Amino acid sequence: MYDQFDVSLEDVDLLGEVELTTNLIIAATESEGPLSADEIDRILGVAPSA
């Protein structure tokens, strides 16, 4: 029987953003000082600009 309320609430993009944010929070917590822009880029997987 079809249930119109039985839908998947998984949002792949949102899960990815949550993972990135979590990684930043963990790195900031483990750091003795502020994270540099280079450290943040590395954690987020951002390639350095040429």
PDB file of N, CA and C in Angstrom:
ATOM      1  N   MET A   1       0.850  -1.181   0.000  1.00  0.00           N
ATOM      2  CA  MET A   1       0.000   0.000   0.000  1.00  0.00           C
ATOM      3  C   MET A   1       0.898   1.247   0.000  1.00  0.00           C
ATOM      4  N   TYR A   2       0.589   2.199  -0.829  1.00  0.00           N
ATOM      5  CA  TYR A   2       1.363   3.430  -0.955  1.00  0.00           C
ATOM      6  C   TYR A   2       1.084   4.360   0.218  1.00  0.00           C
ATOM      7  N   ASP A   3       2.156   4.865   0.836  1.00  0.00           N
ATOM      8  CA  ASP A   3       2.026   5.818   1.944  1.00  0.00           C
ATOM      9  C   ASP A   3       2.700   7.122   1.524  1.00  0.00           C
ATOM     10  N   GLN A   4       1.915   8.160   1.322  1.00  0.00           N
ATOM     11  CA  GLN A   4       2.460   9.434   0.852  1.00  0.00           C
ATOM     12  C   GLN A   4       3.420  10.078   1.855  1.00  0.00           C
ATOM     13  N   PHE A   5       3.383   9.649   3.100  1.00  0.00           N
ATOM     14  CA  PHE A   5       4.260  10.206   4.122  1.00  0.00           C
ATOM     15  C   PHE A   5       5.539   9.391   4.315  1.00  0.00           C
ATOM     16  N   ASP A   6       5.680   8.308   3.586  1.00  0.00           N
ATOM     17  CA  ASP A   6       6.871   7.473   3.673  1.00  0.00           C
ATOM     18  C   ASP A   6       7.877   7.961   2.628  1.00  0.00           C
ATOM     19  N   VAL A   7       8.623   9.009   2.994  1.00  0.00           N
ATOM     20  CA  VAL A   7       9.584   9.604   2.072  1.00  0.00           C
ATOM     21  C   VAL A   7      10.961   9.636   2.727  1.00  0.00           C
ATOM     22  N   SER A   8      11.964   9.614   1.906  1.00  0.00           N
ATOM     23  CA  SER A   8      13.330   9.712   2.403  1.00  0.00           C
ATOM     24  C   SER A   8      13.639  11.172   2.701  1.00  0.00           C
ATOM     25  N   LEU A   9      14.200  11.414   3.866  1.00  0.00           N
ATOM     26  CA  LEU A   9      14.557  12.772   4.230  1.00  0.00           C
ATOM     27  C   LEU A   9      16.069  12.970   4.151  1.00  0.00           C
ATOM     28  N   GLU A  10      16.773  12.084   3.496  1.00  0.00           N
ATOM     29  CA  GLU A  10      18.219  12.188   3.381  1.00  0.00           C
ATOM     30  C   GLU A  10      18.577  13.200   2.299  1.00  0.00           C
ATOM     31  N   ASP A  11      19.395  14.142   2.663  1.00  0.00           N
ATOM     32  CA  ASP A  11      19.857  15.178   1.751  1.00  0.00           C
ATOM     33  C   ASP A  11      21.373  15.049   1.659  1.00  0.00           C
ATOM     34  N   VAL A  12      21.862  14.540   0.554  1.00  0.00           N
ATOM     35  CA  VAL A  12      23.280  14.252   0.387  1.00  0.00           C
ATOM     36  C   VAL A  12      24.119  15.519   0.542  1.00  0.00           C
ATOM     37  N   ASP A  13      23.676  16.619  -0.043  1.00  0.00           N
ATOM     38  CA  ASP A  13      24.429  17.874   0.062  1.00  0.00           C
ATOM     39  C   ASP A  13      24.505  18.345   1.510  1.00  0.00           C
ATOM     40  N   LEU A  14      23.399  18.269   2.215  1.00  0.00           N
ATOM     41  CA  LEU A  14      23.378  18.681   3.615  1.00  0.00           C
ATOM     42  C   LEU A  14      24.294  17.799   4.453  1.00  0.00           C
ATOM     43  N   LEU A  15      24.281  16.496   4.213  1.00  0.00           N
ATOM     44  CA  LEU A  15      25.165  15.600   4.953  1.00  0.00           C
ATOM     45  C   LEU A  15      26.629  15.947   4.713  1.00  0.00           C
ATOM     46  N   GLY A  16      26.966  16.323   3.496  1.00  0.00           N
ATOM     47  CA  GLY A  16      28.329  16.731   3.185  1.00  0.00           C
ATOM     48  C   GLY A  16      28.722  17.995   3.930  1.00  0.00           C
ATOM     49  N   GLU A  17      27.802  18.958   3.986  1.00  0.00           N
ATOM     50  CA  GLU A  17      28.067  20.198   4.712  1.00  0.00           C
ATOM     51  C   GLU A  17      28.228  19.948   6.209  1.00  0.00           C
ATOM     52  N   VAL A  18      27.427  19.059   6.742  1.00  0.00           N
ATOM     53  CA  VAL A  18      27.535  18.721   8.168  1.00  0.00           C
ATOM     54  C   VAL A  18      28.886  18.072   8.440  1.00  0.00           C
ATOM     55  N   GLU A  19      29.338  17.205   7.548  1.00  0.00           N
ATOM     56  CA  GLU A  19      30.640  16.554   7.728  1.00  0.00           C
ATOM     57  C   GLU A  19      31.769  17.583   7.714  1.00  0.00           C
ATOM     58  N   LEU A  20      31.727  18.527   6.767  1.00  0.00           N
ATOM     59  CA  LEU A  20      32.757  19.562   6.701  1.00  0.00           C
ATOM     60  C   LEU A  20      32.764  20.420   7.966  1.00  0.00           C
ATOM     61  N   THR A  21      31.583  20.807   8.412  1.00  0.00           N
ATOM     62  CA  THR A  21      31.474  21.621   9.621  1.00  0.00           C
ATOM     63  C   THR A  21      32.001  20.859  10.828  1.00  0.00           C
ATOM     64  N   THR A  22      31.660  19.592  10.920  1.00  0.00           N
ATOM     65  CA  THR A  22      32.144  18.758  12.023  1.00  0.00           C
ATOM     66  C   THR A  22      33.662  18.659  12.007  1.00  0.00           C
ATOM     67  N   ASN A  23      34.238  18.482  10.823  1.00  0.00           N
ATOM     68  CA  ASN A  23      35.694  18.418  10.716  1.00  0.00           C
ATOM     69  C   ASN A  23      36.343  19.720  11.181  1.00  0.00           C
ATOM     70  N   LEU A  24      35.739  20.843  10.840  1.00  0.00           N
ATOM     71  CA  LEU A  24      36.272  22.136  11.286  1.00  0.00           C
ATOM     72  C   LEU A  24      36.173  22.282  12.800  1.00  0.00           C
ATOM     73  N   ILE A  25      35.058  21.871  13.368  1.00  0.00           N
ATOM     74  CA  ILE A  25      34.865  21.967  14.816  1.00  0.00           C
ATOM     75  C   ILE A  25      35.894  21.109  15.542  1.00  0.00           C
ATOM     76  N   ILE A  26      36.112  19.899  15.060  1.00  0.00           N
ATOM     77  CA  ILE A  26      37.086  19.008  15.691  1.00  0.00           C
ATOM     78  C   ILE A  26      38.484  19.607  15.601  1.00  0.00           C
ATOM     79  N   ALA A  27      38.857  20.104  14.419  1.00  0.00           N
ATOM     80  CA  ALA A  27      40.189  20.685  14.250  1.00  0.00           C
ATOM     81  C   ALA A  27      40.366  21.911  15.142  1.00  0.00           C
ATOM     82  N   ALA A  28      39.344  22.752  15.238  1.00  0.00           N
ATOM     83  CA  ALA A  28      39.436  23.941  16.080  1.00  0.00           C
ATOM     84  C   ALA A  28      39.552  23.567  17.545  1.00  0.00           C
ATOM     85  N   THR A  29      38.865  22.536  17.951  1.00  0.00           N
ATOM     86  CA  THR A  29      38.906  22.084  19.339  1.00  0.00           C
ATOM     87  C   THR A  29      40.289  21.540  19.690  1.00  0.00           C
ATOM     88  N   GLU A  30      40.913  20.853  18.757  1.00  0.00           N
ATOM     89  CA  GLU A  30      42.216  20.248  19.001  1.00  0.00           C
ATOM     90  C   GLU A  30      43.370  21.238  18.836  1.00  0.00           C
ATOM     91  N   SER A  31      43.100  22.389  18.243  1.00  0.00           N
ATOM     92  CA  SER A  31      44.141  23.375  17.985  1.00  0.00           C
ATOM     93  C   SER A  31      44.393  24.230  19.228  1.00  0.00           C
ATOM     94  N   GLU A  32      45.658  24.611  19.412  1.00  0.00           N
ATOM     95  CA  GLU A  32      46.003  25.455  20.554  1.00  0.00           C
ATOM     96  C   GLU A  32      45.714  26.928  20.285  1.00  0.00           C
ATOM     97  N   GLY A  33      45.476  27.272  19.051  1.00  0.00           N
ATOM     98  CA  GLY A  33      45.175  28.660  18.684  1.00  0.00           C
ATOM     99  C   GLY A  33      44.239  28.674  17.495  1.00  0.00           C
ATOM    100  N   PRO A  34      44.019  29.853  16.944  1.00  0.00           N
ATOM    101  CA  PRO A  34      43.138  29.956  15.771  1.00  0.00           C
ATOM    102  C   PRO A  34      43.710  29.183  14.583  1.00  0.00           C
ATOM    103  N   LEU A  35      42.836  28.628  13.783  1.00  0.00           N
ATOM    104  CA  LEU A  35      43.264  27.931  12.571  1.00  0.00           C
ATOM    105  C   LEU A  35      43.621  28.968  11.510  1.00  0.00           C
ATOM    106  N   SER A  36      44.687  28.695  10.783  1.00  0.00           N
ATOM    107  CA  SER A  36      45.060  29.594   9.685  1.00  0.00           C
ATOM    108  C   SER A  36      44.143  29.321   8.490  1.00  0.00           C
ATOM    109  N   ALA A  37      44.153  30.254   7.558  1.00  0.00           N
ATOM    110  CA  ALA A  37      43.351  30.077   6.344  1.00  0.00           C
ATOM    111  C   ALA A  37      43.808  28.832   5.590  1.00  0.00           C
ATOM    112  N   ASP A  38      45.108  28.575   5.577  1.00  0.00           N
ATOM    113  CA  ASP A  38      45.627  27.377   4.899  1.00  0.00           C
ATOM    114  C   ASP A  38      45.140  26.094   5.566  1.00  0.00           C
ATOM    115  N   GLU A  39      45.106  26.088   6.897  1.00  0.00           N
ATOM    116  CA  GLU A  39      44.615  24.909   7.623  1.00  0.00           C
ATOM    117  C   GLU A  39      43.127  24.682   7.330  1.00  0.00           C
ATOM    118  N   ILE A  40      42.362  25.747   7.318  1.00  0.00           N
ATOM    119  CA  ILE A  40      40.926  25.638   7.033  1.00  0.00           C
ATOM    120  C   ILE A  40      40.711  25.121   5.614  1.00  0.00           C
ATOM    121  N   ASP A  41      41.461  25.668   4.666  1.00  0.00           N
ATOM    122  CA  ASP A  41      41.347  25.198   3.276  1.00  0.00           C
ATOM    123  C   ASP A  41      41.670  23.719   3.167  1.00  0.00           C
ATOM    124  N   ARG A  42      42.725  23.271   3.879  1.00  0.00           N
ATOM    125  CA  ARG A  42      43.114  21.855   3.841  1.00  0.00           C
ATOM    126  C   ARG A  42      41.991  20.978   4.397  1.00  0.00           C
ATOM    127  N   ILE A  43      41.397  21.407   5.511  1.00  0.00           N
ATOM    128  CA  ILE A  43      40.321  20.632   6.143  1.00  0.00           C
ATOM    129  C   ILE A  43      39.109  20.553   5.225  1.00  0.00           C
ATOM    130  N   LEU A  44      38.810  21.654   4.537  1.00  0.00           N
ATOM    131  CA  LEU A  44      37.652  21.695   3.644  1.00  0.00           C
ATOM    132  C   LEU A  44      37.930  21.095   2.275  1.00  0.00           C
ATOM    133  N   GLY A  45      39.221  20.793   2.015  1.00  0.00           N
ATOM    134  CA  GLY A  45      39.564  20.202   0.723  1.00  0.00           C
ATOM    135  C   GLY A  45      39.605  21.218  -0.399  1.00  0.00           C
ATOM    136  N   VAL A  46      39.871  22.474  -0.039  1.00  0.00           N
ATOM    137  CA  VAL A  46      39.938  23.534  -1.051  1.00  0.00           C
ATOM    138  C   VAL A  46      41.353  23.566  -1.616  1.00  0.00           C
ATOM    139  N   ALA A  47      41.456  23.566  -2.927  1.00  0.00           N
ATOM    140  CA  ALA A  47      42.774  23.616  -3.561  1.00  0.00           C
ATOM    141  C   ALA A  47      43.309  25.040  -3.500  1.00  0.00           C
ATOM    142  N   PRO A  48      44.591  25.189  -3.251  1.00  0.00           N
ATOM    143  CA  PRO A  48      45.169  26.534  -3.231  1.00  0.00           C
ATOM    144  C   PRO A  48      45.033  27.202  -4.597  1.00  0.00           C
ATOM    145  N   SER A  49      44.812  28.499  -4.561  1.00  0.00           N
ATOM    146  CA  SER A  49      44.677  29.227  -5.829  1.00  0.00           C
ATOM    147  C   SER A  49      46.042  29.395  -6.479  1.00  0.00           C
ATOM    148  N   ALA A  50      46.049  29.386  -7.778  1.00  0.00           N
ATOM    149  CA  ALA A  50      47.321  29.470  -8.510  1.00  0.00           C
ATOM    150  C   ALA A  50      47.788  30.900  -8.651  1.00  0.00           C
TER     151      ALA A  50
END
